[in-house]
Amino acid sequence: MKGFFISFEGVEGSGKSTQVGLLASKMQEEGLNIVVTREPGGTRIGELIRNITHGRENVDLTATTEAYLMSSARAQLVREIIRPALKDNKIVIVDRFVDSSLAYQGYGRGLSEETIWQLNKLAIDEVLPNLTIFLDVTPALGFSRRNGTEKIDRLDLQQKDFYDRVYKGYKKLTVNFKDRYFVLDGSKSIAEVEKEIWDVVKSKIKMQNAKLQFKI
C-alpha cells in the first residue's frame, strides 16, 4: 500500500493531541499531503460512537461493549478515511489506533491482548501504522497536567489501578511491536518532544519513499 501511516499513543495527559497538531503543521509547511484524524471518531459514524464511549452518563457501559464500539468506529475510519488516503499516497496521522484498544480494553479492562486482536482483525483489514509514536508519560504525571484544564469524560473517571494497567500494557506493546514503535520521554518540554518526533518521522518517511522531498 502507498502512503505512510503514523499513529500516536499514550495515556491521558501525555500530550498526544498537542504533538499531532504540531507535526501536522510542520508537514503542511513542507508541502506534504496529509490527513489528520482521531479515534474514536474522524467520521460521522465514529463521532456518534465517541459520544457513547466517552459520555459521562454511560457509566453502565460494559468492557465488552466498549471494545466492540471502539473496533466499530475503527472499521469505519479505516474504510472511509485511512485506506483511501493511503491509496492516494497521502500521509495519515491518527490520534490513537488499534494499540489504544489493546492497552485500554485488553490490559486495562482485562479482556486480554489476544482477544482484542481477534476482535479487530476485520476492523483494521490488515491496515497497521508504519510508525507508532508512544509518548511515555505515567498516569500520575498525565493527570497532573490535565487537572482543571480539560473537559473530563467517562474514560477520565476510572480508578487509578485501571490507568496503571493501561500504562503497563503500553510498555508491553512497545516491546512486542518494537519494529514500528518509537518511544520518547513525554515529560520533556513540548519543543523537545516536537523536535524528536519530527526527526524520526522525517527519517522514516524518507526511508520508505525517496520521492518525498523536504525543505530542511
N, C-alpha and C. Protein backbone atom coordinates (compact mmCIF):
# COMPACT_ATOMS: atom_id res chain seq x y z
N MET A 1 0.84 -1.20 0.00
CA MET A 1 0.00 0.00 0.00
C MET A 1 0.87 1.25 0.00
N LYS A 2 0.45 2.27 -0.73
CA LYS A 2 1.19 3.52 -0.80
C LYS A 2 0.98 4.33 0.49
N GLY A 3 1.54 5.53 0.48
CA GLY A 3 1.34 6.42 1.62
C GLY A 3 2.16 6.02 2.83
N PHE A 4 1.92 6.74 3.92
CA PHE A 4 2.63 6.48 5.17
C PHE A 4 1.66 6.74 6.31
N PHE A 5 1.60 5.82 7.26
CA PHE A 5 0.60 5.85 8.32
C PHE A 5 1.30 6.00 9.67
N ILE A 6 0.97 7.10 10.38
CA ILE A 6 1.55 7.38 11.70
C ILE A 6 0.44 7.42 12.74
N SER A 7 0.63 6.68 13.83
CA SER A 7 -0.33 6.74 14.94
C SER A 7 0.38 7.27 16.19
N PHE A 8 -0.38 7.96 17.02
CA PHE A 8 0.12 8.47 18.30
C PHE A 8 -0.59 7.74 19.42
N GLU A 9 0.18 7.32 20.43
CA GLU A 9 -0.39 6.60 21.57
C GLU A 9 0.15 7.17 22.87
N GLY A 10 -0.61 6.95 23.95
CA GLY A 10 -0.19 7.38 25.27
C GLY A 10 -1.40 7.51 26.19
N VAL A 11 -1.12 7.62 27.47
CA VAL A 11 -2.21 7.76 28.45
C VAL A 11 -2.73 9.19 28.44
N GLU A 12 -3.81 9.42 29.17
CA GLU A 12 -4.37 10.76 29.27
C GLU A 12 -3.31 11.75 29.76
N GLY A 13 -3.26 12.90 29.11
CA GLY A 13 -2.32 13.93 29.51
C GLY A 13 -0.90 13.74 28.99
N SER A 14 -0.72 12.79 28.08
CA SER A 14 0.63 12.53 27.57
C SER A 14 1.07 13.56 26.54
N GLY A 15 0.13 14.33 26.02
CA GLY A 15 0.48 15.36 25.04
C GLY A 15 0.27 14.94 23.60
N LYS A 16 -0.45 13.84 23.39
CA LYS A 16 -0.67 13.33 22.03
C LYS A 16 -1.28 14.38 21.10
N SER A 17 -2.41 14.92 21.52
CA SER A 17 -3.15 15.83 20.65
C SER A 17 -2.32 17.06 20.31
N THR A 18 -1.56 17.55 21.27
CA THR A 18 -0.69 18.69 21.02
C THR A 18 0.35 18.36 19.97
N GLN A 19 0.99 17.20 20.12
CA GLN A 19 2.05 16.81 19.18
C GLN A 19 1.50 16.43 17.81
N VAL A 20 0.30 15.87 17.77
CA VAL A 20 -0.34 15.60 16.48
C VAL A 20 -0.51 16.91 15.72
N GLY A 21 -1.00 17.93 16.40
CA GLY A 21 -1.19 19.23 15.77
C GLY A 21 0.10 19.86 15.29
N LEU A 22 1.15 19.75 16.11
CA LEU A 22 2.44 20.33 15.75
C LEU A 22 3.06 19.61 14.55
N LEU A 23 2.96 18.29 14.56
CA LEU A 23 3.51 17.52 13.44
C LEU A 23 2.75 17.82 12.16
N ALA A 24 1.43 17.90 12.25
CA ALA A 24 0.62 18.21 11.08
C ALA A 24 0.99 19.57 10.51
N SER A 25 1.18 20.55 11.38
CA SER A 25 1.55 21.90 10.92
C SER A 25 2.90 21.89 10.23
N LYS A 26 3.84 21.16 10.80
CA LYS A 26 5.18 21.07 10.21
C LYS A 26 5.12 20.43 8.83
N MET A 27 4.34 19.37 8.71
CA MET A 27 4.23 18.68 7.42
C MET A 27 3.55 19.56 6.37
N GLN A 28 2.57 20.34 6.79
CA GLN A 28 1.91 21.24 5.86
C GLN A 28 2.88 22.31 5.38
N GLU A 29 3.75 22.79 6.28
CA GLU A 29 4.78 23.75 5.90
C GLU A 29 5.71 23.17 4.85
N GLU A 30 5.94 21.85 4.94
CA GLU A 30 6.81 21.17 3.99
C GLU A 30 6.10 20.85 2.68
N GLY A 31 4.82 21.18 2.61
CA GLY A 31 4.08 20.92 1.40
C GLY A 31 3.66 19.47 1.21
N LEU A 32 3.67 18.69 2.31
CA LEU A 32 3.30 17.28 2.22
C LEU A 32 1.79 17.11 2.27
N ASN A 33 1.31 16.10 1.61
CA ASN A 33 -0.13 15.83 1.51
C ASN A 33 -0.53 14.95 2.68
N ILE A 34 -1.23 15.52 3.65
CA ILE A 34 -1.53 14.78 4.87
C ILE A 34 -3.03 14.74 5.16
N VAL A 35 -3.40 13.74 5.96
CA VAL A 35 -4.75 13.62 6.50
C VAL A 35 -4.60 13.39 8.00
N VAL A 36 -5.31 14.18 8.80
CA VAL A 36 -5.23 14.06 10.26
C VAL A 36 -6.60 13.68 10.80
N THR A 37 -6.63 12.68 11.67
CA THR A 37 -7.90 12.24 12.23
C THR A 37 -7.68 11.69 13.63
N ARG A 38 -8.75 11.15 14.23
CA ARG A 38 -8.63 10.67 15.60
C ARG A 38 -9.53 9.46 15.83
N GLU A 39 -9.26 8.78 16.93
CA GLU A 39 -10.09 7.65 17.36
C GLU A 39 -10.50 7.81 18.81
N PRO A 40 -11.70 7.30 19.16
CA PRO A 40 -12.76 7.03 18.19
C PRO A 40 -13.28 8.34 17.61
N GLY A 41 -13.71 8.29 16.38
CA GLY A 41 -14.19 9.50 15.72
C GLY A 41 -13.64 9.59 14.31
N GLY A 42 -13.53 10.82 13.82
CA GLY A 42 -12.97 11.03 12.50
C GLY A 42 -13.96 10.88 11.36
N THR A 43 -15.08 10.23 11.62
CA THR A 43 -16.15 10.07 10.64
C THR A 43 -17.47 10.39 11.34
N ARG A 44 -18.52 10.55 10.57
CA ARG A 44 -19.82 10.83 11.20
C ARG A 44 -20.22 9.70 12.14
N ILE A 45 -20.08 8.45 11.67
CA ILE A 45 -20.43 7.30 12.50
C ILE A 45 -19.50 7.22 13.71
N GLY A 46 -18.22 7.44 13.47
CA GLY A 46 -17.24 7.36 14.55
C GLY A 46 -17.48 8.36 15.65
N GLU A 47 -17.90 9.57 15.28
CA GLU A 47 -18.17 10.60 16.28
C GLU A 47 -19.41 10.25 17.10
N LEU A 48 -20.39 9.62 16.47
CA LEU A 48 -21.56 9.17 17.21
C LEU A 48 -21.17 8.11 18.23
N ILE A 49 -20.29 7.21 17.82
CA ILE A 49 -19.79 6.18 18.74
C ILE A 49 -18.99 6.81 19.87
N ARG A 50 -18.20 7.82 19.55
CA ARG A 50 -17.41 8.51 20.58
C ARG A 50 -18.31 9.12 21.65
N ASN A 51 -19.44 9.65 21.22
CA ASN A 51 -20.38 10.22 22.18
C ASN A 51 -20.85 9.17 23.20
N ILE A 52 -20.94 7.93 22.74
CA ILE A 52 -21.35 6.84 23.64
C ILE A 52 -20.19 6.42 24.54
N THR A 53 -19.03 6.16 23.96
CA THR A 53 -17.90 5.64 24.74
C THR A 53 -17.34 6.66 25.71
N HIS A 54 -17.46 7.95 25.39
CA HIS A 54 -16.88 8.98 26.24
C HIS A 54 -17.91 9.73 27.09
N GLY A 55 -19.19 9.48 26.85
CA GLY A 55 -20.22 10.19 27.60
C GLY A 55 -20.22 9.82 29.08
N ARG A 56 -20.16 10.82 29.94
CA ARG A 56 -20.09 10.57 31.38
C ARG A 56 -21.33 9.86 31.91
N GLU A 57 -22.42 9.99 31.19
CA GLU A 57 -23.66 9.35 31.64
C GLU A 57 -23.68 7.84 31.38
N ASN A 58 -22.73 7.36 30.57
CA ASN A 58 -22.73 5.95 30.19
C ASN A 58 -21.83 5.11 31.09
N VAL A 59 -21.99 5.27 32.37
CA VAL A 59 -21.15 4.54 33.32
C VAL A 59 -21.46 3.05 33.33
N ASP A 60 -22.62 2.67 32.79
CA ASP A 60 -23.00 1.26 32.77
C ASP A 60 -22.52 0.52 31.52
N LEU A 61 -21.73 1.18 30.70
CA LEU A 61 -21.17 0.56 29.51
C LEU A 61 -20.20 -0.54 29.92
N THR A 62 -20.43 -1.77 29.46
CA THR A 62 -19.58 -2.88 29.87
C THR A 62 -18.27 -2.88 29.08
N ALA A 63 -17.28 -3.58 29.60
CA ALA A 63 -15.98 -3.65 28.94
C ALA A 63 -16.08 -4.25 27.55
N THR A 64 -16.89 -5.30 27.41
CA THR A 64 -17.04 -5.97 26.12
C THR A 64 -17.72 -5.06 25.11
N THR A 65 -18.78 -4.38 25.55
CA THR A 65 -19.47 -3.44 24.66
C THR A 65 -18.54 -2.32 24.23
N GLU A 66 -17.76 -1.81 25.16
CA GLU A 66 -16.80 -0.76 24.86
C GLU A 66 -15.81 -1.22 23.79
N ALA A 67 -15.33 -2.44 23.93
CA ALA A 67 -14.36 -2.98 22.97
C ALA A 67 -14.97 -3.09 21.57
N TYR A 68 -16.21 -3.56 21.50
CA TYR A 68 -16.88 -3.67 20.20
C TYR A 68 -17.14 -2.30 19.59
N LEU A 69 -17.52 -1.34 20.40
CA LEU A 69 -17.77 0.00 19.89
C LEU A 69 -16.50 0.64 19.34
N MET A 70 -15.40 0.47 20.06
CA MET A 70 -14.13 1.02 19.60
C MET A 70 -13.72 0.40 18.27
N SER A 71 -13.87 -0.90 18.14
CA SER A 71 -13.50 -1.57 16.89
C SER A 71 -14.44 -1.17 15.76
N SER A 72 -15.70 -0.91 16.08
CA SER A 72 -16.66 -0.47 15.06
C SER A 72 -16.29 0.90 14.51
N ALA A 73 -15.95 1.82 15.40
CA ALA A 73 -15.52 3.15 14.97
C ALA A 73 -14.26 3.04 14.12
N ARG A 74 -13.39 2.15 14.50
CA ARG A 74 -12.13 1.92 13.77
C ARG A 74 -12.40 1.37 12.37
N ALA A 75 -13.32 0.44 12.27
CA ALA A 75 -13.66 -0.14 10.97
C ALA A 75 -14.16 0.94 10.00
N GLN A 76 -14.96 1.86 10.51
CA GLN A 76 -15.48 2.95 9.69
C GLN A 76 -14.36 3.88 9.27
N LEU A 77 -13.47 4.20 10.20
CA LEU A 77 -12.37 5.12 9.92
C LEU A 77 -11.42 4.54 8.88
N VAL A 78 -11.10 3.25 9.00
CA VAL A 78 -10.18 2.62 8.06
C VAL A 78 -10.75 2.68 6.64
N ARG A 79 -12.01 2.34 6.51
CA ARG A 79 -12.61 2.25 5.17
C ARG A 79 -12.98 3.60 4.58
N GLU A 80 -13.35 4.54 5.42
CA GLU A 80 -13.79 5.84 4.93
C GLU A 80 -12.66 6.84 4.78
N ILE A 81 -11.67 6.78 5.67
CA ILE A 81 -10.62 7.80 5.69
C ILE A 81 -9.22 7.23 5.43
N ILE A 82 -8.78 6.28 6.25
CA ILE A 82 -7.38 5.87 6.24
C ILE A 82 -6.98 5.16 4.96
N ARG A 83 -7.68 4.08 4.60
CA ARG A 83 -7.29 3.32 3.41
C ARG A 83 -7.35 4.17 2.13
N PRO A 84 -8.42 4.94 1.90
CA PRO A 84 -8.44 5.78 0.70
C PRO A 84 -7.28 6.78 0.65
N ALA A 85 -6.94 7.35 1.81
CA ALA A 85 -5.85 8.33 1.86
C ALA A 85 -4.51 7.67 1.54
N LEU A 86 -4.28 6.49 2.08
CA LEU A 86 -3.02 5.79 1.81
C LEU A 86 -2.92 5.39 0.34
N LYS A 87 -4.04 4.99 -0.25
CA LYS A 87 -4.04 4.64 -1.67
C LYS A 87 -3.71 5.84 -2.54
N ASP A 88 -4.04 7.05 -2.03
CA ASP A 88 -3.72 8.28 -2.74
C ASP A 88 -2.32 8.80 -2.40
N ASN A 89 -1.55 7.95 -1.73
CA ASN A 89 -0.16 8.27 -1.38
C ASN A 89 -0.05 9.44 -0.41
N LYS A 90 -1.05 9.58 0.46
CA LYS A 90 -1.02 10.63 1.47
C LYS A 90 -0.41 10.11 2.76
N ILE A 91 0.00 11.04 3.61
CA ILE A 91 0.50 10.70 4.94
C ILE A 91 -0.67 10.82 5.91
N VAL A 92 -0.97 9.76 6.62
CA VAL A 92 -2.10 9.74 7.55
C VAL A 92 -1.57 9.81 8.98
N ILE A 93 -2.09 10.75 9.76
CA ILE A 93 -1.74 10.89 11.17
C ILE A 93 -2.99 10.66 11.99
N VAL A 94 -2.95 9.68 12.88
CA VAL A 94 -4.12 9.36 13.69
C VAL A 94 -3.79 9.45 15.18
N ASP A 95 -4.63 10.19 15.89
CA ASP A 95 -4.54 10.28 17.35
C ASP A 95 -5.26 9.06 17.91
N ARG A 96 -4.49 8.00 18.18
CA ARG A 96 -4.93 6.68 18.65
C ARG A 96 -5.36 5.78 17.49
N PHE A 97 -4.99 4.48 17.65
CA PHE A 97 -5.45 3.47 16.70
C PHE A 97 -5.63 2.18 17.48
N VAL A 98 -5.38 1.04 16.86
CA VAL A 98 -5.69 -0.24 17.50
C VAL A 98 -4.92 -0.47 18.80
N ASP A 99 -3.72 0.12 18.92
CA ASP A 99 -2.94 -0.05 20.15
C ASP A 99 -3.68 0.49 21.37
N SER A 100 -4.51 1.50 21.17
CA SER A 100 -5.30 2.03 22.29
C SER A 100 -6.27 0.97 22.81
N SER A 101 -6.88 0.22 21.90
CA SER A 101 -7.78 -0.85 22.33
C SER A 101 -7.01 -1.96 23.03
N LEU A 102 -5.83 -2.27 22.52
CA LEU A 102 -5.00 -3.30 23.16
C LEU A 102 -4.65 -2.88 24.59
N ALA A 103 -4.31 -1.60 24.76
CA ALA A 103 -3.91 -1.10 26.08
C ALA A 103 -5.11 -0.90 27.01
N TYR A 104 -6.15 -0.24 26.51
CA TYR A 104 -7.28 0.13 27.37
C TYR A 104 -8.25 -1.03 27.61
N GLN A 105 -8.67 -1.68 26.55
CA GLN A 105 -9.60 -2.79 26.74
C GLN A 105 -8.88 -4.11 27.00
N GLY A 106 -7.77 -4.32 26.32
CA GLY A 106 -7.02 -5.56 26.51
C GLY A 106 -6.40 -5.68 27.89
N TYR A 107 -5.62 -4.66 28.27
CA TYR A 107 -4.93 -4.68 29.56
C TYR A 107 -5.74 -3.96 30.65
N GLY A 108 -6.21 -2.77 30.33
CA GLY A 108 -6.95 -2.01 31.34
C GLY A 108 -8.21 -2.71 31.81
N ARG A 109 -9.01 -3.21 30.86
CA ARG A 109 -10.27 -3.89 31.20
C ARG A 109 -10.09 -5.38 31.45
N GLY A 110 -8.89 -5.88 31.15
CA GLY A 110 -8.61 -7.29 31.42
C GLY A 110 -9.19 -8.26 30.41
N LEU A 111 -9.48 -7.78 29.18
CA LEU A 111 -10.04 -8.66 28.15
C LEU A 111 -8.97 -9.47 27.43
N SER A 112 -7.73 -9.10 27.60
CA SER A 112 -6.53 -9.73 27.04
C SER A 112 -6.17 -9.17 25.67
N GLU A 113 -4.88 -9.12 25.42
CA GLU A 113 -4.38 -8.60 24.15
C GLU A 113 -4.87 -9.46 22.99
N GLU A 114 -4.83 -10.79 23.15
CA GLU A 114 -5.24 -11.69 22.07
C GLU A 114 -6.71 -11.50 21.71
N THR A 115 -7.57 -11.34 22.71
CA THR A 115 -9.00 -11.13 22.45
C THR A 115 -9.23 -9.87 21.63
N ILE A 116 -8.53 -8.80 21.97
CA ILE A 116 -8.70 -7.55 21.26
C ILE A 116 -8.17 -7.65 19.83
N TRP A 117 -7.07 -8.36 19.65
CA TRP A 117 -6.56 -8.57 18.29
C TRP A 117 -7.57 -9.30 17.43
N GLN A 118 -8.13 -10.37 17.98
CA GLN A 118 -9.12 -11.14 17.23
C GLN A 118 -10.33 -10.28 16.87
N LEU A 119 -10.76 -9.46 17.81
CA LEU A 119 -11.91 -8.59 17.60
C LEU A 119 -11.65 -7.55 16.51
N ASN A 120 -10.39 -7.12 16.41
CA ASN A 120 -10.05 -6.04 15.49
C ASN A 120 -9.51 -6.48 14.14
N LYS A 121 -9.38 -7.77 13.92
CA LYS A 121 -8.85 -8.24 12.64
C LYS A 121 -9.68 -7.72 11.47
N LEU A 122 -10.97 -7.87 11.56
CA LEU A 122 -11.84 -7.39 10.49
C LEU A 122 -11.87 -5.87 10.44
N ALA A 123 -11.83 -5.24 11.62
CA ALA A 123 -11.92 -3.78 11.68
C ALA A 123 -10.76 -3.10 10.96
N ILE A 124 -9.53 -3.54 11.22
CA ILE A 124 -8.37 -2.87 10.63
C ILE A 124 -8.07 -3.35 9.21
N ASP A 125 -8.59 -4.52 8.84
CA ASP A 125 -8.45 -5.02 7.46
C ASP A 125 -6.99 -4.97 6.99
N GLU A 126 -6.09 -5.43 7.86
CA GLU A 126 -4.65 -5.52 7.58
C GLU A 126 -3.97 -4.16 7.44
N VAL A 127 -4.64 -3.11 7.87
CA VAL A 127 -4.03 -1.77 7.84
C VAL A 127 -3.43 -1.49 9.22
N LEU A 128 -2.12 -1.33 9.26
CA LEU A 128 -1.41 -1.02 10.50
C LEU A 128 -0.47 0.17 10.28
N PRO A 129 -0.18 0.92 11.32
CA PRO A 129 0.72 2.06 11.17
C PRO A 129 2.12 1.64 10.73
N ASN A 130 2.75 2.48 9.92
CA ASN A 130 4.16 2.29 9.62
C ASN A 130 5.00 2.71 10.82
N LEU A 131 4.47 3.67 11.58
CA LEU A 131 5.18 4.21 12.74
C LEU A 131 4.17 4.53 13.83
N THR A 132 4.42 4.02 15.03
CA THR A 132 3.59 4.35 16.19
C THR A 132 4.44 5.11 17.19
N ILE A 133 4.05 6.32 17.49
CA ILE A 133 4.79 7.17 18.42
C ILE A 133 4.13 7.09 19.79
N PHE A 134 4.87 6.58 20.76
CA PHE A 134 4.35 6.45 22.13
C PHE A 134 4.99 7.51 23.01
N LEU A 135 4.16 8.42 23.51
CA LEU A 135 4.63 9.45 24.44
C LEU A 135 4.59 8.85 25.84
N ASP A 136 5.75 8.51 26.34
CA ASP A 136 5.87 7.80 27.61
C ASP A 136 5.71 8.77 28.78
N VAL A 137 4.49 8.80 29.29
CA VAL A 137 4.15 9.64 30.44
C VAL A 137 3.35 8.77 31.41
N THR A 138 3.72 8.77 32.68
CA THR A 138 3.00 7.97 33.65
C THR A 138 1.60 8.53 33.87
N PRO A 139 0.66 7.71 34.30
CA PRO A 139 -0.70 8.22 34.58
C PRO A 139 -0.69 9.37 35.59
N ALA A 140 0.16 9.28 36.60
CA ALA A 140 0.21 10.33 37.62
C ALA A 140 0.59 11.68 37.01
N LEU A 141 1.62 11.67 36.17
CA LEU A 141 2.05 12.91 35.53
C LEU A 141 0.99 13.40 34.54
N GLY A 142 0.42 12.47 33.80
CA GLY A 142 -0.59 12.83 32.82
C GLY A 142 -1.78 13.53 33.44
N PHE A 143 -2.29 12.99 34.53
CA PHE A 143 -3.46 13.59 35.16
C PHE A 143 -3.10 14.89 35.89
N SER A 144 -1.87 15.01 36.35
CA SER A 144 -1.48 16.27 36.97
C SER A 144 -1.46 17.40 35.95
N ARG A 145 -1.16 17.06 34.71
CA ARG A 145 -1.17 18.05 33.64
C ARG A 145 -2.58 18.48 33.28
N ARG A 146 -3.51 17.54 33.36
CA ARG A 146 -4.88 17.80 32.92
C ARG A 146 -5.75 18.45 33.99
N ASN A 147 -5.29 18.47 35.20
CA ASN A 147 -6.09 18.96 36.32
C ASN A 147 -6.63 20.37 36.06
N GLY A 148 -7.95 20.44 35.88
CA GLY A 148 -8.60 21.74 35.71
C GLY A 148 -8.45 22.39 34.36
N THR A 149 -7.80 21.69 33.41
CA THR A 149 -7.55 22.31 32.12
C THR A 149 -8.37 21.72 30.99
N GLU A 150 -8.92 20.52 31.17
CA GLU A 150 -9.64 19.87 30.09
C GLU A 150 -10.96 19.30 30.57
N LYS A 151 -11.86 19.12 29.63
CA LYS A 151 -13.15 18.53 29.94
C LYS A 151 -12.97 17.08 30.37
N ILE A 152 -13.60 16.70 31.45
CA ILE A 152 -13.48 15.33 31.95
C ILE A 152 -14.58 14.47 31.32
N ASP A 153 -14.18 13.35 30.69
CA ASP A 153 -15.16 12.46 30.10
C ASP A 153 -15.17 11.12 30.83
N ARG A 154 -15.96 10.18 30.33
CA ARG A 154 -16.14 8.89 31.01
C ARG A 154 -14.81 8.15 31.23
N LEU A 155 -13.93 8.21 30.24
CA LEU A 155 -12.67 7.48 30.34
C LEU A 155 -11.68 8.15 31.29
N ASP A 156 -12.00 9.34 31.75
CA ASP A 156 -11.17 10.00 32.75
C ASP A 156 -11.59 9.66 34.17
N LEU A 157 -12.69 8.94 34.29
CA LEU A 157 -13.28 8.72 35.61
C LEU A 157 -13.03 7.32 36.16
N GLN A 158 -12.06 6.61 35.60
CA GLN A 158 -11.76 5.26 36.06
C GLN A 158 -10.87 5.30 37.31
N GLN A 159 -10.75 4.15 37.96
CA GLN A 159 -9.90 4.06 39.14
C GLN A 159 -8.42 4.06 38.76
N LYS A 160 -7.58 4.42 39.73
CA LYS A 160 -6.15 4.53 39.49
C LYS A 160 -5.56 3.23 38.95
N ASP A 161 -5.99 2.08 39.48
CA ASP A 161 -5.39 0.83 39.05
C ASP A 161 -5.69 0.52 37.59
N PHE A 162 -6.81 1.06 37.07
CA PHE A 162 -7.11 0.88 35.65
C PHE A 162 -6.04 1.56 34.80
N TYR A 163 -5.72 2.79 35.11
CA TYR A 163 -4.72 3.52 34.34
C TYR A 163 -3.34 2.92 34.50
N ASP A 164 -3.05 2.38 35.66
CA ASP A 164 -1.78 1.70 35.87
C ASP A 164 -1.67 0.48 34.96
N ARG A 165 -2.77 -0.27 34.81
CA ARG A 165 -2.77 -1.43 33.92
C ARG A 165 -2.61 -1.00 32.45
N VAL A 166 -3.27 0.10 32.11
CA VAL A 166 -3.16 0.61 30.75
C VAL A 166 -1.71 0.99 30.44
N TYR A 167 -1.08 1.69 31.37
CA TYR A 167 0.30 2.12 31.16
C TYR A 167 1.24 0.93 31.05
N LYS A 168 1.07 -0.05 31.92
CA LYS A 168 1.90 -1.26 31.84
C LYS A 168 1.65 -2.00 30.53
N GLY A 169 0.39 -1.97 30.07
CA GLY A 169 0.07 -2.60 28.80
C GLY A 169 0.79 -1.93 27.64
N TYR A 170 0.81 -0.61 27.66
CA TYR A 170 1.53 0.13 26.61
C TYR A 170 3.02 -0.24 26.61
N LYS A 171 3.59 -0.37 27.80
CA LYS A 171 5.01 -0.70 27.88
C LYS A 171 5.28 -2.07 27.26
N LYS A 172 4.34 -3.00 27.44
CA LYS A 172 4.48 -4.32 26.82
C LYS A 172 4.37 -4.23 25.31
N LEU A 173 3.45 -3.39 24.84
CA LEU A 173 3.26 -3.23 23.40
C LEU A 173 4.49 -2.65 22.73
N THR A 174 5.18 -1.74 23.43
CA THR A 174 6.39 -1.15 22.84
C THR A 174 7.48 -2.19 22.62
N VAL A 175 7.42 -3.27 23.39
CA VAL A 175 8.38 -4.37 23.23
C VAL A 175 7.88 -5.36 22.18
N ASN A 176 6.60 -5.69 22.26
CA ASN A 176 6.01 -6.67 21.33
C ASN A 176 6.04 -6.19 19.88
N PHE A 177 5.93 -4.87 19.70
CA PHE A 177 5.89 -4.30 18.35
C PHE A 177 6.98 -3.24 18.17
N LYS A 178 8.16 -3.59 18.64
CA LYS A 178 9.26 -2.62 18.65
C LYS A 178 9.66 -2.16 17.25
N ASP A 179 9.36 -2.95 16.23
CA ASP A 179 9.75 -2.57 14.87
C ASP A 179 9.02 -1.33 14.38
N ARG A 180 7.81 -1.10 14.89
CA ARG A 180 7.08 0.09 14.44
C ARG A 180 6.93 1.15 15.53
N TYR A 181 7.35 0.85 16.75
CA TYR A 181 7.20 1.80 17.85
C TYR A 181 8.41 2.73 17.98
N PHE A 182 8.13 3.99 18.23
CA PHE A 182 9.16 4.94 18.64
C PHE A 182 8.73 5.50 19.98
N VAL A 183 9.52 5.24 21.00
CA VAL A 183 9.18 5.63 22.37
C VAL A 183 10.02 6.84 22.76
N LEU A 184 9.35 7.87 23.27
CA LEU A 184 10.11 9.03 23.74
C LEU A 184 9.59 9.49 25.09
N ASP A 185 10.44 10.19 25.79
CA ASP A 185 10.12 10.68 27.13
C ASP A 185 9.16 11.86 27.01
N GLY A 186 7.88 11.62 27.30
CA GLY A 186 6.88 12.66 27.18
C GLY A 186 6.92 13.70 28.27
N SER A 187 7.81 13.52 29.25
CA SER A 187 7.91 14.52 30.32
C SER A 187 8.79 15.70 29.92
N LYS A 188 9.44 15.59 28.78
CA LYS A 188 10.27 16.70 28.28
C LYS A 188 9.38 17.85 27.84
N SER A 189 10.00 18.96 27.51
CA SER A 189 9.25 20.12 27.07
C SER A 189 8.56 19.83 25.74
N ILE A 190 7.51 20.58 25.46
CA ILE A 190 6.78 20.40 24.20
C ILE A 190 7.71 20.56 23.01
N ALA A 191 8.60 21.55 23.07
CA ALA A 191 9.52 21.80 21.96
C ALA A 191 10.50 20.65 21.76
N GLU A 192 11.00 20.09 22.87
CA GLU A 192 11.93 18.97 22.76
C GLU A 192 11.26 17.75 22.16
N VAL A 193 10.05 17.47 22.63
CA VAL A 193 9.31 16.32 22.10
C VAL A 193 8.99 16.53 20.62
N GLU A 194 8.58 17.74 20.28
CA GLU A 194 8.27 18.05 18.88
C GLU A 194 9.47 17.80 17.97
N LYS A 195 10.65 18.21 18.40
CA LYS A 195 11.86 18.03 17.58
C LYS A 195 12.19 16.54 17.41
N GLU A 196 12.10 15.77 18.49
CA GLU A 196 12.40 14.34 18.40
C GLU A 196 11.44 13.64 17.46
N ILE A 197 10.17 14.01 17.54
CA ILE A 197 9.17 13.40 16.67
C ILE A 197 9.44 13.75 15.22
N TRP A 198 9.73 15.01 14.95
CA TRP A 198 9.98 15.43 13.57
C TRP A 198 11.20 14.72 12.99
N ASP A 199 12.23 14.58 13.79
CA ASP A 199 13.46 13.92 13.32
C ASP A 199 13.18 12.47 12.92
N VAL A 200 12.45 11.73 13.75
CA VAL A 200 12.20 10.32 13.45
C VAL A 200 11.21 10.18 12.30
N VAL A 201 10.19 11.03 12.26
CA VAL A 201 9.21 10.95 11.17
C VAL A 201 9.87 11.24 9.83
N LYS A 202 10.66 12.28 9.79
CA LYS A 202 11.34 12.65 8.56
C LYS A 202 12.24 11.51 8.07
N SER A 203 12.95 10.90 9.01
CA SER A 203 13.84 9.79 8.66
C SER A 203 13.07 8.57 8.13
N LYS A 204 11.99 8.21 8.82
CA LYS A 204 11.21 7.03 8.44
C LYS A 204 10.54 7.20 7.08
N ILE A 205 10.00 8.38 6.84
CA ILE A 205 9.32 8.61 5.57
C ILE A 205 10.31 8.62 4.42
N LYS A 206 11.47 9.23 4.63
CA LYS A 206 12.48 9.24 3.58
C LYS A 206 12.94 7.83 3.24
N MET A 207 13.04 6.98 4.27
CA MET A 207 13.45 5.60 4.04
C MET A 207 12.42 4.85 3.20
N GLN A 208 11.15 5.13 3.42
CA GLN A 208 10.11 4.40 2.70
C GLN A 208 9.84 4.98 1.31
N ASN A 209 9.92 6.29 1.19
CA ASN A 209 9.54 6.91 -0.06
C ASN A 209 10.50 8.03 -0.40
N ALA A 210 11.48 7.73 -1.24
CA ALA A 210 12.51 8.70 -1.59
C ALA A 210 11.94 9.85 -2.40
N LYS A 211 10.71 9.70 -2.91
CA LYS A 211 10.12 10.75 -3.73
C LYS A 211 9.66 11.95 -2.90
N LEU A 212 9.44 11.72 -1.62
CA LEU A 212 9.01 12.82 -0.75
C LEU A 212 10.19 13.74 -0.48
N GLN A 213 10.05 14.99 -0.77
CA GLN A 213 11.13 15.94 -0.58
C GLN A 213 10.82 16.88 0.58
N PHE A 214 11.85 17.21 1.34
CA PHE A 214 11.71 18.11 2.48
C PHE A 214 12.52 19.37 2.22
N LYS A 215 12.03 20.48 2.74
CA LYS A 215 12.72 21.75 2.56
C LYS A 215 13.95 21.86 3.45
N ILE A 216 13.93 21.12 4.61
CA ILE A 216 15.04 21.25 5.54
C ILE A 216 15.82 19.94 5.63
